[in-house]
Amino acid sequence: MEELSLDMTGLGQLLLKRDILYNKISSRERNGLIEFAIESGEEAGLKVLADGIDKDKPCAYIEKYCKINFLRHKAPLPIYSECLLKDGTINIYCSEIDNLYLKLSEEGYMVDRNRLYNIFLLHEFFHVLEERESGSVSSIRKIKVFKFLFWEIKRGISQLSEIAANSFLRTIIGGLPIKYICKEDL
């Protein structure tokens, strides 16, 4: 659960390293790409805050844009939530989040279950907004993966959307997710 307590730059570096194109990105480009994704998420978060989202009760706001399913069955993959853009749906896998809740509790955290759900809901909501507004953050900045004479192939970096979604989430909740979900800070 390292992701819940890293600052955005550290999280951006961690997520970017998970991208399949990471080795194709020059060290010079990496910081600029992370900064771009962080700024994209912050900008979207500030717009949503200005529009009146309640970080502790985001469902009513989000349901103006998409459908939310709170699913009781186990996720098909090891994930907590997903955004189905074609359907305009966010799926929240309750059993997976409840397992995370138990794990965090066992580690000594006093977690607010609703806020734990909110961080996944807000993260996925960013993906809904990015597709509606400007297209995926991942496809805005591309890197060259192949070049032959005058012909080159460029690809988007999928983890840029994840970095932006985390930045969006942190802008709305006002800081680190671990501080937001812990009861001591309520």
N, C-alpha and C. Protein backbone atom coordinates (compact mmCIF):
# COMPACT_ATOMS: atom_id res chain seq x y z
N MET A 1 0.81 -1.19 0.00
CA MET A 1 0.00 0.00 0.00
C MET A 1 0.86 1.25 0.00
N GLU A 2 2.03 1.07 -0.50
CA GLU A 2 2.99 2.17 -0.63
C GLU A 2 2.38 3.36 -1.38
N GLU A 3 1.51 3.06 -2.36
CA GLU A 3 0.91 4.10 -3.19
C GLU A 3 0.10 5.11 -2.38
N LEU A 4 -0.46 4.68 -1.25
CA LEU A 4 -1.30 5.56 -0.44
C LEU A 4 -0.53 6.65 0.29
N SER A 5 0.78 6.44 0.46
CA SER A 5 1.54 7.40 1.27
C SER A 5 2.69 8.10 0.54
N LEU A 6 2.93 7.77 -0.72
CA LEU A 6 3.98 8.45 -1.48
C LEU A 6 3.53 9.83 -1.94
N ASP A 7 4.46 10.78 -2.02
CA ASP A 7 4.11 12.07 -2.62
C ASP A 7 3.91 11.85 -4.13
N MET A 8 3.35 12.83 -4.81
CA MET A 8 2.98 12.64 -6.22
C MET A 8 4.18 12.38 -7.11
N THR A 9 5.30 13.02 -6.86
CA THR A 9 6.48 12.77 -7.70
C THR A 9 6.97 11.34 -7.51
N GLY A 10 7.03 10.89 -6.27
CA GLY A 10 7.44 9.51 -5.99
C GLY A 10 6.48 8.50 -6.58
N LEU A 11 5.18 8.78 -6.45
CA LEU A 11 4.18 7.89 -7.03
C LEU A 11 4.27 7.89 -8.55
N GLY A 12 4.48 9.07 -9.12
CA GLY A 12 4.63 9.16 -10.58
C GLY A 12 5.80 8.33 -11.08
N GLN A 13 6.91 8.39 -10.36
CA GLN A 13 8.08 7.59 -10.75
C GLN A 13 7.79 6.10 -10.63
N LEU A 14 7.13 5.70 -9.55
CA LEU A 14 6.78 4.29 -9.35
C LEU A 14 5.86 3.79 -10.46
N LEU A 15 4.83 4.56 -10.77
CA LEU A 15 3.87 4.15 -11.80
C LEU A 15 4.51 4.13 -13.18
N LEU A 16 5.33 5.13 -13.48
CA LEU A 16 5.96 5.18 -14.79
C LEU A 16 6.87 3.97 -15.01
N LYS A 17 7.53 3.52 -13.96
CA LYS A 17 8.40 2.34 -14.07
C LYS A 17 7.61 1.08 -14.42
N ARG A 18 6.32 1.08 -14.13
CA ARG A 18 5.46 -0.07 -14.44
C ARG A 18 5.01 -0.10 -15.90
N ASP A 19 5.22 0.99 -16.61
CA ASP A 19 4.77 1.06 -18.00
C ASP A 19 5.64 0.18 -18.89
N ILE A 20 5.01 -0.50 -19.84
CA ILE A 20 5.78 -1.39 -20.72
C ILE A 20 6.74 -0.61 -21.61
N LEU A 21 6.52 0.67 -21.78
CA LEU A 21 7.41 1.49 -22.62
C LEU A 21 8.46 2.23 -21.80
N TYR A 22 8.55 1.96 -20.52
CA TYR A 22 9.45 2.70 -19.65
C TYR A 22 10.88 2.76 -20.19
N ASN A 23 11.40 1.67 -20.67
CA ASN A 23 12.79 1.63 -21.16
C ASN A 23 12.98 2.44 -22.45
N LYS A 24 11.90 2.78 -23.11
CA LYS A 24 11.98 3.60 -24.33
C LYS A 24 11.99 5.10 -24.02
N ILE A 25 11.72 5.44 -22.76
CA ILE A 25 11.65 6.85 -22.36
C ILE A 25 13.01 7.27 -21.83
N SER A 26 13.55 8.32 -22.39
CA SER A 26 14.86 8.79 -21.91
C SER A 26 14.70 9.37 -20.51
N SER A 27 15.76 9.30 -19.74
CA SER A 27 15.71 9.84 -18.38
C SER A 27 15.38 11.33 -18.39
N ARG A 28 15.77 12.02 -19.45
CA ARG A 28 15.47 13.45 -19.60
C ARG A 28 13.97 13.67 -19.76
N GLU A 29 13.29 12.76 -20.46
CA GLU A 29 11.85 12.91 -20.72
C GLU A 29 10.99 12.52 -19.52
N ARG A 30 11.47 11.65 -18.68
CA ARG A 30 10.65 11.07 -17.61
C ARG A 30 10.05 12.12 -16.68
N ASN A 31 10.88 13.02 -16.17
CA ASN A 31 10.36 14.03 -15.24
C ASN A 31 9.33 14.94 -15.89
N GLY A 32 9.55 15.30 -17.14
CA GLY A 32 8.59 16.14 -17.85
C GLY A 32 7.26 15.44 -18.06
N LEU A 33 7.30 14.16 -18.36
CA LEU A 33 6.06 13.39 -18.54
C LEU A 33 5.30 13.26 -17.23
N ILE A 34 6.02 13.00 -16.16
CA ILE A 34 5.38 12.89 -14.84
C ILE A 34 4.75 14.23 -14.46
N GLU A 35 5.49 15.31 -14.66
CA GLU A 35 4.98 16.65 -14.35
C GLU A 35 3.72 16.97 -15.16
N PHE A 36 3.74 16.62 -16.45
CA PHE A 36 2.59 16.83 -17.32
C PHE A 36 1.36 16.09 -16.78
N ALA A 37 1.54 14.83 -16.41
CA ALA A 37 0.42 14.03 -15.91
C ALA A 37 -0.11 14.58 -14.59
N ILE A 38 0.79 14.97 -13.70
CA ILE A 38 0.37 15.53 -12.41
C ILE A 38 -0.43 16.81 -12.64
N GLU A 39 0.05 17.68 -13.50
CA GLU A 39 -0.66 18.94 -13.79
C GLU A 39 -2.02 18.68 -14.43
N SER A 40 -2.11 17.69 -15.30
CA SER A 40 -3.39 17.35 -15.94
C SER A 40 -4.41 16.91 -14.89
N GLY A 41 -3.98 16.08 -13.95
CA GLY A 41 -4.87 15.62 -12.89
C GLY A 41 -5.28 16.74 -11.96
N GLU A 42 -4.33 17.59 -11.59
CA GLU A 42 -4.64 18.73 -10.71
C GLU A 42 -5.65 19.66 -11.36
N GLU A 43 -5.44 19.96 -12.62
CA GLU A 43 -6.34 20.86 -13.34
C GLU A 43 -7.76 20.31 -13.36
N ALA A 44 -7.90 19.03 -13.66
CA ALA A 44 -9.23 18.41 -13.68
C ALA A 44 -9.84 18.40 -12.28
N GLY A 45 -9.03 18.12 -11.27
CA GLY A 45 -9.52 18.12 -9.89
C GLY A 45 -10.01 19.48 -9.44
N LEU A 46 -9.28 20.53 -9.79
CA LEU A 46 -9.69 21.88 -9.43
C LEU A 46 -11.01 22.27 -10.10
N LYS A 47 -11.21 21.84 -11.35
CA LYS A 47 -12.48 22.11 -12.04
C LYS A 47 -13.64 21.44 -11.33
N VAL A 48 -13.45 20.19 -10.94
CA VAL A 48 -14.51 19.44 -10.27
C VAL A 48 -14.79 20.03 -8.89
N LEU A 49 -13.76 20.43 -8.17
CA LEU A 49 -13.96 21.09 -6.88
C LEU A 49 -14.73 22.40 -7.04
N ALA A 50 -14.37 23.17 -8.05
CA ALA A 50 -15.07 24.43 -8.31
C ALA A 50 -16.53 24.19 -8.68
N ASP A 51 -16.79 23.03 -9.27
CA ASP A 51 -18.16 22.67 -9.67
C ASP A 51 -18.97 22.11 -8.51
N GLY A 52 -18.34 21.88 -7.36
CA GLY A 52 -19.08 21.53 -6.16
C GLY A 52 -19.10 20.08 -5.71
N ILE A 53 -18.15 19.27 -6.14
CA ILE A 53 -18.13 17.88 -5.67
C ILE A 53 -17.86 17.85 -4.17
N ASP A 54 -18.48 16.92 -3.48
CA ASP A 54 -18.24 16.70 -2.05
C ASP A 54 -17.32 15.49 -1.94
N LYS A 55 -16.11 15.69 -1.46
CA LYS A 55 -15.13 14.60 -1.41
C LYS A 55 -15.58 13.45 -0.53
N ASP A 56 -16.47 13.72 0.43
CA ASP A 56 -16.94 12.66 1.32
C ASP A 56 -18.22 11.99 0.84
N LYS A 57 -18.89 12.60 -0.12
CA LYS A 57 -20.11 12.02 -0.69
C LYS A 57 -20.13 12.30 -2.20
N PRO A 58 -19.19 11.70 -2.93
CA PRO A 58 -19.05 12.03 -4.35
C PRO A 58 -20.05 11.35 -5.28
N CYS A 59 -20.79 10.35 -4.80
CA CYS A 59 -21.65 9.56 -5.69
C CYS A 59 -22.67 10.41 -6.45
N ALA A 60 -23.36 11.30 -5.75
CA ALA A 60 -24.40 12.11 -6.40
C ALA A 60 -23.81 12.93 -7.54
N TYR A 61 -22.65 13.49 -7.32
CA TYR A 61 -21.99 14.29 -8.37
C TYR A 61 -21.56 13.40 -9.53
N ILE A 62 -20.93 12.30 -9.23
CA ILE A 62 -20.40 11.41 -10.27
C ILE A 62 -21.51 10.80 -11.10
N GLU A 63 -22.65 10.50 -10.47
CA GLU A 63 -23.76 9.89 -11.20
C GLU A 63 -24.37 10.82 -12.24
N LYS A 64 -24.02 12.09 -12.22
CA LYS A 64 -24.44 13.00 -13.30
C LYS A 64 -23.70 12.69 -14.59
N TYR A 65 -22.56 12.01 -14.48
CA TYR A 65 -21.69 11.73 -15.62
C TYR A 65 -21.68 10.27 -16.05
N CYS A 66 -21.92 9.37 -15.11
CA CYS A 66 -21.84 7.95 -15.44
C CYS A 66 -22.59 7.12 -14.39
N LYS A 67 -22.73 5.85 -14.70
CA LYS A 67 -23.38 4.91 -13.79
C LYS A 67 -22.32 4.32 -12.87
N ILE A 68 -22.70 4.06 -11.62
CA ILE A 68 -21.80 3.43 -10.66
C ILE A 68 -22.41 2.11 -10.23
N ASN A 69 -21.64 1.03 -10.34
CA ASN A 69 -22.07 -0.28 -9.86
C ASN A 69 -21.20 -0.68 -8.68
N PHE A 70 -21.84 -0.97 -7.55
CA PHE A 70 -21.14 -1.53 -6.40
C PHE A 70 -21.39 -3.03 -6.45
N LEU A 71 -20.38 -3.76 -6.90
CA LEU A 71 -20.52 -5.19 -7.17
C LEU A 71 -20.03 -6.01 -5.98
N ARG A 72 -20.82 -6.99 -5.60
CA ARG A 72 -20.49 -7.84 -4.45
C ARG A 72 -19.62 -9.03 -4.84
N HIS A 73 -19.62 -9.40 -6.12
CA HIS A 73 -18.82 -10.56 -6.52
C HIS A 73 -17.34 -10.18 -6.65
N LYS A 74 -16.53 -11.20 -6.65
CA LYS A 74 -15.08 -11.01 -6.76
C LYS A 74 -14.72 -10.44 -8.13
N ALA A 75 -13.74 -9.59 -8.17
CA ALA A 75 -13.28 -8.99 -9.43
C ALA A 75 -12.66 -10.07 -10.32
N PRO A 76 -12.81 -9.93 -11.65
CA PRO A 76 -12.22 -10.92 -12.56
C PRO A 76 -10.69 -10.89 -12.57
N LEU A 77 -10.13 -9.78 -12.18
CA LEU A 77 -8.68 -9.59 -12.07
C LEU A 77 -8.40 -9.05 -10.67
N PRO A 78 -7.16 -9.03 -10.25
CA PRO A 78 -6.88 -8.45 -8.93
C PRO A 78 -6.94 -6.91 -8.97
N ILE A 79 -8.16 -6.39 -9.03
CA ILE A 79 -8.38 -4.94 -9.07
C ILE A 79 -9.48 -4.56 -8.07
N TYR A 80 -9.49 -3.31 -7.68
CA TYR A 80 -10.50 -2.81 -6.76
C TYR A 80 -11.65 -2.13 -7.49
N SER A 81 -11.35 -1.58 -8.64
CA SER A 81 -12.35 -0.82 -9.39
C SER A 81 -11.92 -0.75 -10.84
N GLU A 82 -12.88 -0.40 -11.69
CA GLU A 82 -12.57 -0.23 -13.10
C GLU A 82 -13.56 0.74 -13.73
N CYS A 83 -13.12 1.35 -14.80
CA CYS A 83 -13.94 2.28 -15.56
C CYS A 83 -14.19 1.66 -16.93
N LEU A 84 -15.44 1.42 -17.25
CA LEU A 84 -15.81 0.88 -18.56
C LEU A 84 -16.31 2.04 -19.41
N LEU A 85 -15.43 2.58 -20.21
CA LEU A 85 -15.75 3.80 -20.95
C LEU A 85 -16.84 3.60 -21.98
N LYS A 86 -16.87 2.45 -22.64
CA LYS A 86 -17.90 2.20 -23.66
C LYS A 86 -19.29 2.19 -23.05
N ASP A 87 -19.39 1.67 -21.83
CA ASP A 87 -20.69 1.60 -21.14
C ASP A 87 -20.98 2.84 -20.31
N GLY A 88 -19.96 3.67 -20.09
CA GLY A 88 -20.13 4.82 -19.21
C GLY A 88 -20.40 4.37 -17.78
N THR A 89 -19.63 3.39 -17.32
CA THR A 89 -19.87 2.77 -16.02
C THR A 89 -18.58 2.67 -15.21
N ILE A 90 -18.72 2.89 -13.92
CA ILE A 90 -17.64 2.62 -12.97
C ILE A 90 -18.07 1.42 -12.15
N ASN A 91 -17.24 0.40 -12.11
CA ASN A 91 -17.50 -0.77 -11.27
C ASN A 91 -16.59 -0.72 -10.05
N ILE A 92 -17.20 -0.82 -8.89
CA ILE A 92 -16.47 -0.87 -7.63
C ILE A 92 -16.64 -2.29 -7.09
N TYR A 93 -15.54 -2.98 -6.88
CA TYR A 93 -15.58 -4.36 -6.39
C TYR A 93 -15.50 -4.35 -4.86
N CYS A 94 -16.67 -4.45 -4.25
CA CYS A 94 -16.78 -4.30 -2.80
C CYS A 94 -15.96 -5.34 -2.03
N SER A 95 -15.97 -6.59 -2.49
CA SER A 95 -15.24 -7.62 -1.74
C SER A 95 -13.74 -7.34 -1.74
N GLU A 96 -13.22 -6.81 -2.85
CA GLU A 96 -11.79 -6.48 -2.92
C GLU A 96 -11.45 -5.31 -2.00
N ILE A 97 -12.30 -4.31 -2.00
CA ILE A 97 -12.06 -3.14 -1.14
C ILE A 97 -12.23 -3.52 0.33
N ASP A 98 -13.21 -4.38 0.62
CA ASP A 98 -13.39 -4.84 1.99
C ASP A 98 -12.18 -5.65 2.46
N ASN A 99 -11.58 -6.44 1.57
CA ASN A 99 -10.35 -7.17 1.92
C ASN A 99 -9.21 -6.20 2.21
N LEU A 100 -9.12 -5.13 1.41
CA LEU A 100 -8.10 -4.11 1.65
C LEU A 100 -8.35 -3.43 3.00
N TYR A 101 -9.60 -3.15 3.29
CA TYR A 101 -9.98 -2.55 4.57
C TYR A 101 -9.48 -3.43 5.73
N LEU A 102 -9.72 -4.73 5.63
CA LEU A 102 -9.26 -5.67 6.67
C LEU A 102 -7.74 -5.69 6.78
N LYS A 103 -7.08 -5.69 5.63
CA LYS A 103 -5.61 -5.71 5.62
C LYS A 103 -5.05 -4.45 6.30
N LEU A 104 -5.60 -3.30 5.94
CA LEU A 104 -5.14 -2.04 6.55
C LEU A 104 -5.43 -2.03 8.05
N SER A 105 -6.59 -2.56 8.44
CA SER A 105 -6.94 -2.64 9.86
C SER A 105 -5.96 -3.53 10.61
N GLU A 106 -5.60 -4.67 9.99
CA GLU A 106 -4.63 -5.58 10.61
C GLU A 106 -3.25 -4.93 10.75
N GLU A 107 -2.94 -4.00 9.85
CA GLU A 107 -1.66 -3.29 9.92
C GLU A 107 -1.70 -2.14 10.92
N GLY A 108 -2.84 -1.94 11.58
CA GLY A 108 -2.94 -0.93 12.62
C GLY A 108 -3.59 0.38 12.21
N TYR A 109 -4.04 0.48 10.97
CA TYR A 109 -4.71 1.70 10.52
C TYR A 109 -6.18 1.66 10.93
N MET A 110 -6.69 2.78 11.43
CA MET A 110 -8.11 2.91 11.72
C MET A 110 -8.75 3.58 10.51
N VAL A 111 -9.26 2.76 9.61
CA VAL A 111 -9.70 3.24 8.30
C VAL A 111 -11.20 3.50 8.29
N ASP A 112 -11.59 4.59 7.67
CA ASP A 112 -12.99 4.88 7.41
C ASP A 112 -13.36 4.18 6.10
N ARG A 113 -14.25 3.20 6.20
CA ARG A 113 -14.60 2.36 5.04
C ARG A 113 -15.17 3.20 3.89
N ASN A 114 -16.03 4.15 4.18
CA ASN A 114 -16.62 4.97 3.11
C ASN A 114 -15.56 5.78 2.36
N ARG A 115 -14.63 6.32 3.10
CA ARG A 115 -13.56 7.08 2.45
C ARG A 115 -12.65 6.18 1.63
N LEU A 116 -12.47 4.95 2.07
CA LEU A 116 -11.69 3.99 1.28
C LEU A 116 -12.38 3.74 -0.06
N TYR A 117 -13.69 3.56 -0.02
CA TYR A 117 -14.45 3.41 -1.27
C TYR A 117 -14.32 4.66 -2.13
N ASN A 118 -14.38 5.83 -1.50
CA ASN A 118 -14.33 7.09 -2.25
C ASN A 118 -13.04 7.25 -3.04
N ILE A 119 -11.91 6.79 -2.50
CA ILE A 119 -10.66 7.00 -3.25
C ILE A 119 -10.67 6.21 -4.56
N PHE A 120 -11.27 5.04 -4.55
CA PHE A 120 -11.35 4.26 -5.79
C PHE A 120 -12.37 4.85 -6.74
N LEU A 121 -13.48 5.32 -6.20
CA LEU A 121 -14.52 5.94 -7.01
C LEU A 121 -14.00 7.22 -7.69
N LEU A 122 -13.32 8.06 -6.94
CA LEU A 122 -12.78 9.30 -7.50
C LEU A 122 -11.69 9.03 -8.53
N HIS A 123 -10.86 8.04 -8.26
CA HIS A 123 -9.81 7.67 -9.22
C HIS A 123 -10.44 7.28 -10.56
N GLU A 124 -11.43 6.41 -10.52
CA GLU A 124 -12.08 5.97 -11.77
C GLU A 124 -12.84 7.10 -12.44
N PHE A 125 -13.41 7.99 -11.64
CA PHE A 125 -14.14 9.12 -12.21
C PHE A 125 -13.23 9.99 -13.07
N PHE A 126 -11.97 10.11 -12.69
CA PHE A 126 -11.04 10.86 -13.53
C PHE A 126 -11.00 10.27 -14.93
N HIS A 127 -10.97 8.96 -15.05
CA HIS A 127 -10.90 8.32 -16.37
C HIS A 127 -12.14 8.63 -17.20
N VAL A 128 -13.29 8.73 -16.55
CA VAL A 128 -14.52 9.13 -17.26
C VAL A 128 -14.35 10.54 -17.79
N LEU A 129 -13.89 11.44 -16.93
CA LEU A 129 -13.74 12.84 -17.34
C LEU A 129 -12.69 13.03 -18.42
N GLU A 130 -11.56 12.35 -18.30
CA GLU A 130 -10.50 12.55 -19.29
C GLU A 130 -10.98 12.13 -20.68
N GLU A 131 -11.76 11.08 -20.77
CA GLU A 131 -12.27 10.65 -22.07
C GLU A 131 -13.31 11.63 -22.61
N ARG A 132 -14.13 12.19 -21.73
CA ARG A 132 -15.17 13.13 -22.16
C ARG A 132 -14.60 14.48 -22.56
N GLU A 133 -13.58 14.91 -21.84
CA GLU A 133 -13.05 16.26 -22.02
C GLU A 133 -12.00 16.35 -23.12
N SER A 134 -10.87 15.70 -22.91
CA SER A 134 -9.74 15.92 -23.83
C SER A 134 -9.14 14.65 -24.39
N GLY A 135 -9.72 13.52 -24.07
CA GLY A 135 -9.11 12.26 -24.47
C GLY A 135 -8.13 11.81 -23.41
N SER A 136 -7.73 10.59 -23.51
CA SER A 136 -6.84 10.00 -22.51
C SER A 136 -5.53 10.78 -22.40
N VAL A 137 -5.13 11.06 -21.17
CA VAL A 137 -3.85 11.73 -20.92
C VAL A 137 -2.72 10.91 -21.54
N SER A 138 -2.88 9.60 -21.54
CA SER A 138 -1.86 8.71 -22.12
C SER A 138 -1.64 8.93 -23.60
N SER A 139 -2.67 9.37 -24.30
CA SER A 139 -2.52 9.54 -25.75
C SER A 139 -2.10 10.96 -26.15
N ILE A 140 -2.08 11.88 -25.21
CA ILE A 140 -1.70 13.26 -25.54
C ILE A 140 -0.20 13.38 -25.76
N ARG A 141 0.57 12.75 -24.89
CA ARG A 141 2.03 12.74 -25.03
C ARG A 141 2.47 11.36 -25.48
N LYS A 142 3.18 11.30 -26.58
CA LYS A 142 3.63 10.02 -27.12
C LYS A 142 5.14 10.00 -27.24
N ILE A 143 5.68 8.79 -27.23
CA ILE A 143 7.12 8.64 -27.41
C ILE A 143 7.38 7.77 -28.63
N LYS A 144 8.54 7.99 -29.21
CA LYS A 144 8.95 7.22 -30.38
C LYS A 144 9.40 5.84 -29.92
N VAL A 145 8.79 4.80 -30.51
CA VAL A 145 9.18 3.44 -30.15
C VAL A 145 9.95 2.73 -31.27
N PHE A 146 9.85 3.30 -32.47
CA PHE A 146 10.54 2.68 -33.61
C PHE A 146 10.77 3.74 -34.68
N LYS A 147 11.94 3.70 -35.31
CA LYS A 147 12.22 4.61 -36.41
C LYS A 147 13.06 3.88 -37.45
N PHE A 148 12.64 4.03 -38.70
CA PHE A 148 13.38 3.48 -39.83
C PHE A 148 13.33 4.51 -40.95
N LEU A 149 14.47 5.07 -41.28
CA LEU A 149 14.58 6.14 -42.28
C LEU A 149 13.63 7.27 -41.90
N PHE A 150 12.59 7.50 -42.72
CA PHE A 150 11.65 8.60 -42.44
C PHE A 150 10.37 8.12 -41.77
N TRP A 151 10.33 6.86 -41.47
CA TRP A 151 9.12 6.27 -40.90
C TRP A 151 9.34 6.03 -39.41
N GLU A 152 8.38 6.46 -38.58
CA GLU A 152 8.49 6.22 -37.15
C GLU A 152 7.14 5.87 -36.56
N ILE A 153 7.19 5.14 -35.48
CA ILE A 153 5.98 4.75 -34.75
C ILE A 153 6.07 5.36 -33.36
N LYS A 154 4.98 6.02 -32.97
CA LYS A 154 4.89 6.61 -31.63
C LYS A 154 3.73 5.97 -30.88
N ARG A 155 3.89 5.83 -29.60
CA ARG A 155 2.86 5.24 -28.75
C ARG A 155 2.67 6.10 -27.50
N GLY A 156 1.44 6.05 -26.99
CA GLY A 156 1.14 6.71 -25.73
C GLY A 156 1.64 5.89 -24.56
N ILE A 157 1.85 6.54 -23.45
CA ILE A 157 2.35 5.89 -22.24
C ILE A 157 1.16 5.71 -21.30
N SER A 158 0.71 4.48 -21.16
CA SER A 158 -0.54 4.21 -20.43
C SER A 158 -0.51 4.69 -18.99
N GLN A 159 0.63 4.64 -18.36
CA GLN A 159 0.70 5.02 -16.94
C GLN A 159 0.52 6.52 -16.71
N LEU A 160 0.61 7.33 -17.75
CA LEU A 160 0.36 8.77 -17.57
C LEU A 160 -1.07 9.02 -17.10
N SER A 161 -2.02 8.25 -17.60
CA SER A 161 -3.40 8.39 -17.15
C SER A 161 -3.54 8.01 -15.68
N GLU A 162 -2.80 7.00 -15.27
CA GLU A 162 -2.86 6.57 -13.87
C GLU A 162 -2.23 7.62 -12.95
N ILE A 163 -1.15 8.21 -13.39
CA ILE A 163 -0.52 9.29 -12.61
C ILE A 163 -1.49 10.46 -12.50
N ALA A 164 -2.11 10.83 -13.61
CA ALA A 164 -3.06 11.94 -13.61
C ALA A 164 -4.27 11.63 -12.72
N ALA A 165 -4.76 10.40 -12.77
CA ALA A 165 -5.91 10.01 -11.94
C ALA A 165 -5.58 10.13 -10.45
N ASN A 166 -4.37 9.75 -10.08
CA ASN A 166 -3.95 9.88 -8.69
C ASN A 166 -3.79 11.33 -8.29
N SER A 167 -3.31 12.15 -9.19
CA SER A 167 -3.18 13.58 -8.92
C SER A 167 -4.56 14.22 -8.76
N PHE A 168 -5.50 13.84 -9.61
CA PHE A 168 -6.90 14.28 -9.53
C PHE A 168 -7.48 13.92 -8.17
N LEU A 169 -7.32 12.66 -7.79
CA LEU A 169 -7.82 12.18 -6.50
C LEU A 169 -7.24 13.01 -5.35
N ARG A 170 -5.94 13.20 -5.35
CA ARG A 170 -5.29 13.92 -4.26
C ARG A 170 -5.67 15.39 -4.23
N THR A 171 -5.94 15.97 -5.38
CA THR A 171 -6.40 17.36 -5.43
C THR A 171 -7.77 17.47 -4.76
N ILE A 172 -8.64 16.52 -5.04
CA ILE A 172 -9.99 16.57 -4.47
C ILE A 172 -9.99 16.28 -2.97
N ILE A 173 -9.25 15.28 -2.54
CA ILE A 173 -9.28 14.93 -1.11
C ILE A 173 -8.35 15.79 -0.27
N GLY A 174 -7.49 16.56 -0.92
CA GLY A 174 -6.64 17.50 -0.20
C GLY A 174 -5.35 16.92 0.35
N GLY A 175 -4.82 15.90 -0.29
CA GLY A 175 -3.53 15.37 0.17
C GLY A 175 -3.38 13.88 -0.03
N LEU A 176 -2.61 13.27 0.85
CA LEU A 176 -2.31 11.84 0.74
C LEU A 176 -3.53 10.99 1.04
N PRO A 177 -3.78 9.96 0.23
CA PRO A 177 -4.91 9.07 0.49
C PRO A 177 -4.88 8.43 1.87
N ILE A 178 -3.71 8.05 2.36
CA ILE A 178 -3.63 7.39 3.67
C ILE A 178 -4.13 8.32 4.77
N LYS A 179 -3.88 9.61 4.65
CA LYS A 179 -4.36 10.57 5.66
C LYS A 179 -5.87 10.77 5.53
N TYR A 180 -6.38 10.74 4.32
CA TYR A 180 -7.82 10.93 4.08
C TYR A 180 -8.63 9.76 4.63
N ILE A 181 -8.14 8.54 4.44
CA ILE A 181 -8.95 7.37 4.83
C ILE A 181 -8.85 7.01 6.30
N CYS A 182 -7.87 7.54 7.02
CA CYS A 182 -7.69 7.18 8.43
C CYS A 182 -8.60 8.00 9.33
N LYS A 183 -9.26 7.32 10.27
CA LYS A 183 -10.24 7.95 11.15
C LYS A 183 -9.66 9.05 12.03
N GLU A 184 -8.39 8.97 12.34
CA GLU A 184 -7.79 10.01 13.19
C GLU A 184 -7.93 11.39 12.56
N ASP A 185 -8.04 11.43 11.23
CA ASP A 185 -8.10 12.71 10.53
C ASP A 185 -9.53 13.13 10.20
N LEU A 186 -10.52 12.44 10.70
CA LEU A 186 -11.91 12.81 10.41
C LEU A 186 -12.33 14.01 11.23
